[in-house]
Amino acid sequence: CRDHMHIEEDLPRPSISPEPATVIPLGSHVTIVCRGPVGVETFRLQKESRSLYNDTEDVSQPSPSESEARFRIDSVSEGHGGLYRCLYYKSSKWSEQSDYLEMLVKGEDVTWAL
């Protein structure tokens, strides 16, 4: 029975990436994308050591081998800067956490160096 094999497997670590970038101007929007294997039930986005997190069951499958969730922040504030990680829930257990993603929020008074 295939389902039993899945529960024994180690869950691969998820990945995390920002769209459009890791440096976000104040007030603009960003989407944090978490990716894992097919069959994920819930993705969780965690922020830093504070036990701030956001769960979603809105999981899509962009390719036959992976699933993803998109966490959109419509208006970035200074409080959105910091370290983020993803994990996911599949086959009755939570995965390991992804690598850290560091988000930087730039105020309007920043002079951009070329």
N, C-alpha and C. Protein backbone atom coordinates (compact mmCIF):
# COMPACT_ATOMS: atom_id res chain seq x y z
N CYS A 1 0.86 -1.19 0.00
CA CYS A 1 0.00 0.00 0.00
C CYS A 1 0.89 1.24 0.00
N ARG A 2 0.72 2.12 -0.98
CA ARG A 2 1.62 3.26 -1.15
C ARG A 2 1.57 4.23 0.03
N ASP A 3 0.40 4.37 0.63
CA ASP A 3 0.27 5.39 1.67
C ASP A 3 1.19 5.11 2.85
N HIS A 4 1.38 3.84 3.16
CA HIS A 4 2.23 3.51 4.30
C HIS A 4 3.67 3.92 4.04
N MET A 5 4.15 3.74 2.81
CA MET A 5 5.51 4.14 2.49
C MET A 5 5.72 5.63 2.73
N HIS A 6 4.73 6.41 2.38
CA HIS A 6 4.89 7.86 2.50
C HIS A 6 5.11 8.30 3.93
N ILE A 7 4.44 7.67 4.87
CA ILE A 7 4.53 8.09 6.27
C ILE A 7 5.94 7.81 6.80
N GLU A 8 6.58 6.77 6.28
CA GLU A 8 7.92 6.42 6.75
C GLU A 8 8.99 7.35 6.16
N GLU A 9 8.71 7.92 5.01
CA GLU A 9 9.70 8.76 4.36
C GLU A 9 10.03 9.99 5.18
N ASP A 10 11.28 10.42 5.11
CA ASP A 10 11.62 11.73 5.66
C ASP A 10 11.05 12.80 4.74
N LEU A 11 10.51 13.83 5.31
CA LEU A 11 9.95 14.90 4.50
C LEU A 11 11.09 15.82 4.05
N PRO A 12 11.16 16.14 2.76
CA PRO A 12 12.21 17.06 2.31
C PRO A 12 12.01 18.46 2.89
N ARG A 13 13.11 19.17 3.08
CA ARG A 13 13.00 20.54 3.62
C ARG A 13 12.32 21.43 2.60
N PRO A 14 11.46 22.33 3.06
CA PRO A 14 10.85 23.28 2.14
C PRO A 14 11.83 24.37 1.75
N SER A 15 11.48 25.09 0.69
CA SER A 15 12.28 26.26 0.31
C SER A 15 11.41 27.50 0.48
N ILE A 16 12.08 28.64 0.56
CA ILE A 16 11.37 29.90 0.75
C ILE A 16 12.00 30.94 -0.17
N SER A 17 11.17 31.73 -0.83
CA SER A 17 11.72 32.77 -1.71
C SER A 17 10.74 33.93 -1.78
N PRO A 18 11.27 35.15 -2.01
CA PRO A 18 10.40 36.32 -2.09
C PRO A 18 10.15 36.71 -3.55
N GLU A 19 8.98 37.27 -3.79
CA GLU A 19 8.70 37.89 -5.08
C GLU A 19 8.19 39.30 -4.79
N PRO A 20 8.76 40.35 -5.33
CA PRO A 20 9.81 40.34 -6.36
C PRO A 20 11.23 40.26 -5.82
N ALA A 21 11.49 40.61 -4.56
CA ALA A 21 12.88 40.71 -4.09
C ALA A 21 12.90 40.67 -2.57
N THR A 22 14.13 40.58 -2.01
CA THR A 22 14.25 40.59 -0.55
C THR A 22 14.30 42.00 0.03
N VAL A 23 14.56 42.99 -0.82
CA VAL A 23 14.58 44.38 -0.35
C VAL A 23 13.32 45.05 -0.88
N ILE A 24 12.45 45.46 0.04
CA ILE A 24 11.12 45.94 -0.33
C ILE A 24 10.95 47.39 0.12
N PRO A 25 10.60 48.30 -0.78
CA PRO A 25 10.31 49.67 -0.36
C PRO A 25 9.07 49.72 0.54
N LEU A 26 9.13 50.58 1.54
CA LEU A 26 8.02 50.79 2.46
C LEU A 26 6.72 51.01 1.68
N GLY A 27 5.66 50.32 2.06
CA GLY A 27 4.36 50.55 1.45
C GLY A 27 4.09 49.74 0.19
N SER A 28 5.11 49.08 -0.36
CA SER A 28 4.85 48.27 -1.55
C SER A 28 4.48 46.85 -1.12
N HIS A 29 4.27 45.96 -2.07
CA HIS A 29 3.83 44.62 -1.69
C HIS A 29 4.90 43.59 -2.00
N VAL A 30 4.83 42.49 -1.27
CA VAL A 30 5.75 41.38 -1.49
C VAL A 30 4.96 40.10 -1.26
N THR A 31 5.36 39.04 -1.96
CA THR A 31 4.78 37.72 -1.74
C THR A 31 5.90 36.78 -1.33
N ILE A 32 5.72 36.11 -0.20
CA ILE A 32 6.69 35.12 0.24
C ILE A 32 6.17 33.75 -0.21
N VAL A 33 6.96 33.05 -1.01
CA VAL A 33 6.53 31.78 -1.59
C VAL A 33 7.23 30.64 -0.86
N CYS A 34 6.44 29.71 -0.34
CA CYS A 34 6.98 28.51 0.31
C CYS A 34 6.70 27.32 -0.60
N ARG A 35 7.72 26.49 -0.81
CA ARG A 35 7.56 25.33 -1.70
C ARG A 35 7.94 24.05 -0.98
N GLY A 36 7.20 22.99 -1.28
CA GLY A 36 7.49 21.68 -0.71
C GLY A 36 7.07 20.62 -1.70
N PRO A 37 7.06 19.36 -1.26
CA PRO A 37 6.69 18.26 -2.17
C PRO A 37 5.18 18.25 -2.43
N VAL A 38 4.77 17.42 -3.34
CA VAL A 38 3.34 17.26 -3.61
C VAL A 38 2.66 16.64 -2.38
N GLY A 39 1.43 17.05 -2.13
CA GLY A 39 0.67 16.43 -1.05
C GLY A 39 0.69 17.18 0.26
N VAL A 40 1.28 18.39 0.25
CA VAL A 40 1.29 19.20 1.47
C VAL A 40 -0.13 19.64 1.80
N GLU A 41 -0.51 19.52 3.09
CA GLU A 41 -1.85 19.94 3.51
C GLU A 41 -1.85 21.38 3.99
N THR A 42 -0.80 21.76 4.73
CA THR A 42 -0.73 23.11 5.31
C THR A 42 0.69 23.63 5.21
N PHE A 43 0.85 24.86 4.77
CA PHE A 43 2.14 25.54 4.86
C PHE A 43 2.07 26.54 6.01
N ARG A 44 3.18 26.69 6.73
CA ARG A 44 3.27 27.67 7.81
C ARG A 44 4.45 28.59 7.55
N LEU A 45 4.18 29.89 7.62
CA LEU A 45 5.24 30.90 7.53
C LEU A 45 5.51 31.41 8.93
N GLN A 46 6.76 31.24 9.39
CA GLN A 46 7.14 31.69 10.73
C GLN A 46 8.01 32.92 10.64
N LYS A 47 7.85 33.82 11.61
CA LYS A 47 8.68 35.02 11.64
C LYS A 47 9.57 34.99 12.87
N GLU A 48 10.86 34.92 12.65
CA GLU A 48 11.87 35.06 13.69
C GLU A 48 11.61 34.17 14.89
N SER A 49 12.14 34.59 16.02
CA SER A 49 11.99 33.77 17.22
C SER A 49 10.65 34.05 17.90
N ARG A 50 10.08 35.21 17.57
CA ARG A 50 8.73 35.46 18.08
C ARG A 50 7.85 34.36 17.53
N SER A 51 6.94 33.89 18.32
CA SER A 51 6.13 32.77 17.83
C SER A 51 5.01 33.30 16.93
N LEU A 52 5.41 34.18 16.01
CA LEU A 52 4.46 34.70 15.03
C LEU A 52 4.45 33.76 13.84
N TYR A 53 3.27 33.30 13.47
CA TYR A 53 3.22 32.46 12.29
C TYR A 53 1.88 32.60 11.62
N ASN A 54 1.82 32.15 10.39
CA ASN A 54 0.63 32.24 9.57
C ASN A 54 0.48 30.91 8.85
N ASP A 55 -0.65 30.24 9.04
CA ASP A 55 -0.90 28.96 8.38
C ASP A 55 -1.83 29.16 7.20
N THR A 56 -1.64 28.40 6.14
CA THR A 56 -2.59 28.41 5.04
C THR A 56 -2.78 27.00 4.50
N GLU A 57 -4.01 26.71 4.12
CA GLU A 57 -4.30 25.46 3.43
C GLU A 57 -4.55 25.73 1.95
N ASP A 58 -4.28 26.96 1.53
CA ASP A 58 -4.44 27.34 0.13
C ASP A 58 -3.16 26.95 -0.61
N VAL A 59 -3.05 25.65 -0.91
CA VAL A 59 -1.83 25.09 -1.48
C VAL A 59 -2.07 24.80 -2.95
N SER A 60 -1.18 25.30 -3.82
CA SER A 60 -1.32 25.02 -5.25
C SER A 60 -0.19 24.09 -5.69
N GLN A 61 -0.33 23.52 -6.89
CA GLN A 61 0.67 22.59 -7.40
C GLN A 61 1.18 23.11 -8.74
N PRO A 62 2.27 23.91 -8.71
CA PRO A 62 2.77 24.51 -9.96
C PRO A 62 3.43 23.51 -10.90
N SER A 63 3.86 22.36 -10.38
CA SER A 63 4.47 21.34 -11.22
C SER A 63 4.13 19.97 -10.65
N PRO A 64 4.35 18.89 -11.39
CA PRO A 64 3.98 17.56 -10.88
C PRO A 64 4.75 17.14 -9.63
N SER A 65 5.88 17.79 -9.37
CA SER A 65 6.72 17.33 -8.26
C SER A 65 6.71 18.25 -7.05
N GLU A 66 6.01 19.38 -7.11
CA GLU A 66 6.06 20.28 -5.95
C GLU A 66 4.74 20.99 -5.74
N SER A 67 4.58 21.44 -4.50
CA SER A 67 3.42 22.27 -4.18
C SER A 67 3.94 23.56 -3.54
N GLU A 68 3.10 24.58 -3.52
CA GLU A 68 3.55 25.86 -2.97
C GLU A 68 2.39 26.60 -2.35
N ALA A 69 2.74 27.52 -1.47
CA ALA A 69 1.77 28.46 -0.91
C ALA A 69 2.37 29.85 -1.02
N ARG A 70 1.51 30.84 -1.21
CA ARG A 70 1.97 32.21 -1.40
C ARG A 70 1.38 33.08 -0.29
N PHE A 71 2.27 33.71 0.45
CA PHE A 71 1.85 34.61 1.54
C PHE A 71 2.09 36.04 1.08
N ARG A 72 1.01 36.75 0.79
CA ARG A 72 1.15 38.10 0.25
C ARG A 72 1.03 39.13 1.36
N ILE A 73 1.93 40.10 1.35
CA ILE A 73 1.87 41.25 2.25
C ILE A 73 1.58 42.45 1.36
N ASP A 74 0.40 43.06 1.53
CA ASP A 74 -0.04 44.10 0.59
C ASP A 74 0.67 45.43 0.78
N SER A 75 0.90 45.81 2.02
CA SER A 75 1.55 47.09 2.27
C SER A 75 2.62 46.87 3.33
N VAL A 76 3.85 46.81 2.87
CA VAL A 76 4.96 46.48 3.76
C VAL A 76 5.24 47.62 4.72
N SER A 77 5.35 47.30 6.00
CA SER A 77 5.74 48.29 7.02
C SER A 77 7.08 47.87 7.60
N GLU A 78 7.67 48.75 8.43
CA GLU A 78 8.98 48.43 9.01
C GLU A 78 8.91 47.14 9.83
N GLY A 79 7.76 46.86 10.41
CA GLY A 79 7.60 45.65 11.21
C GLY A 79 7.68 44.36 10.41
N HIS A 80 7.59 44.45 9.10
CA HIS A 80 7.66 43.25 8.27
C HIS A 80 9.09 42.81 7.99
N GLY A 81 10.08 43.68 8.27
CA GLY A 81 11.47 43.28 8.08
C GLY A 81 11.84 42.19 9.06
N GLY A 82 12.84 41.40 8.69
CA GLY A 82 13.30 40.37 9.61
C GLY A 82 13.47 39.02 8.93
N LEU A 83 13.55 38.00 9.76
CA LEU A 83 13.85 36.65 9.28
C LEU A 83 12.58 35.81 9.23
N TYR A 84 12.39 35.12 8.12
CA TYR A 84 11.22 34.26 7.93
C TYR A 84 11.68 32.84 7.60
N ARG A 85 10.87 31.87 8.01
CA ARG A 85 11.10 30.48 7.62
C ARG A 85 9.75 29.82 7.32
N CYS A 86 9.80 28.79 6.49
CA CYS A 86 8.62 27.99 6.17
C CYS A 86 8.75 26.59 6.74
N LEU A 87 7.62 26.00 7.04
CA LEU A 87 7.55 24.56 7.21
C LEU A 87 6.19 24.11 6.73
N TYR A 88 5.97 22.82 6.66
CA TYR A 88 4.69 22.34 6.14
C TYR A 88 4.27 21.08 6.86
N TYR A 89 2.98 20.78 6.73
CA TYR A 89 2.37 19.62 7.37
C TYR A 89 1.93 18.64 6.30
N LYS A 90 2.42 17.41 6.41
CA LYS A 90 2.08 16.38 5.43
C LYS A 90 2.19 15.01 6.09
N SER A 91 1.29 14.11 5.76
CA SER A 91 1.33 12.74 6.30
C SER A 91 1.39 12.75 7.83
N SER A 92 0.56 13.62 8.43
CA SER A 92 0.40 13.68 9.89
C SER A 92 1.65 14.14 10.64
N LYS A 93 2.56 14.84 9.96
CA LYS A 93 3.69 15.40 10.70
C LYS A 93 4.20 16.67 10.04
N TRP A 94 4.95 17.45 10.84
CA TRP A 94 5.53 18.70 10.36
C TRP A 94 6.92 18.44 9.80
N SER A 95 7.26 19.16 8.74
CA SER A 95 8.58 19.05 8.14
C SER A 95 9.59 19.84 8.97
N GLU A 96 10.86 19.71 8.58
CA GLU A 96 11.88 20.63 9.09
C GLU A 96 11.59 22.03 8.55
N GLN A 97 12.27 23.01 9.16
CA GLN A 97 12.10 24.38 8.69
C GLN A 97 13.02 24.65 7.51
N SER A 98 12.62 25.59 6.68
CA SER A 98 13.46 26.01 5.55
C SER A 98 14.63 26.83 6.08
N ASP A 99 15.53 27.19 5.16
CA ASP A 99 16.54 28.19 5.49
C ASP A 99 15.85 29.51 5.83
N TYR A 100 16.59 30.41 6.48
CA TYR A 100 16.04 31.73 6.77
C TYR A 100 16.00 32.59 5.51
N LEU A 101 14.94 33.35 5.39
CA LEU A 101 14.86 34.40 4.37
C LEU A 101 14.89 35.72 5.13
N GLU A 102 15.85 36.59 4.78
CA GLU A 102 15.91 37.89 5.45
C GLU A 102 15.27 38.95 4.58
N MET A 103 14.21 39.57 5.12
CA MET A 103 13.51 40.63 4.41
C MET A 103 14.01 41.97 4.93
N LEU A 104 14.34 42.87 4.00
CA LEU A 104 14.77 44.22 4.36
C LEU A 104 13.73 45.21 3.85
N VAL A 105 13.31 46.10 4.73
CA VAL A 105 12.35 47.13 4.33
C VAL A 105 13.09 48.45 4.22
N LYS A 106 12.96 49.10 3.07
CA LYS A 106 13.67 50.35 2.81
C LYS A 106 12.69 51.53 2.95
N GLY A 107 13.05 52.51 3.77
CA GLY A 107 12.24 53.71 3.86
C GLY A 107 12.42 54.59 2.64
N GLU A 108 11.52 55.55 2.50
CA GLU A 108 11.59 56.42 1.32
C GLU A 108 12.78 57.35 1.34
N ASP A 109 13.37 57.56 2.52
CA ASP A 109 14.48 58.49 2.61
C ASP A 109 15.82 57.85 2.25
N VAL A 110 15.80 56.61 1.84
CA VAL A 110 17.04 55.93 1.51
C VAL A 110 17.55 56.41 0.14
N THR A 111 18.83 56.72 0.09
CA THR A 111 19.40 57.06 -1.23
C THR A 111 19.95 55.79 -1.82
N TRP A 112 19.55 55.48 -3.04
CA TRP A 112 19.97 54.23 -3.66
C TRP A 112 21.35 54.40 -4.27
N ALA A 113 22.29 53.59 -3.84
CA ALA A 113 23.63 53.60 -4.42
C ALA A 113 23.62 52.69 -5.65
N LEU A 114 24.23 53.14 -6.72
CA LEU A 114 24.29 52.32 -7.93
C LEU A 114 25.47 51.36 -7.86
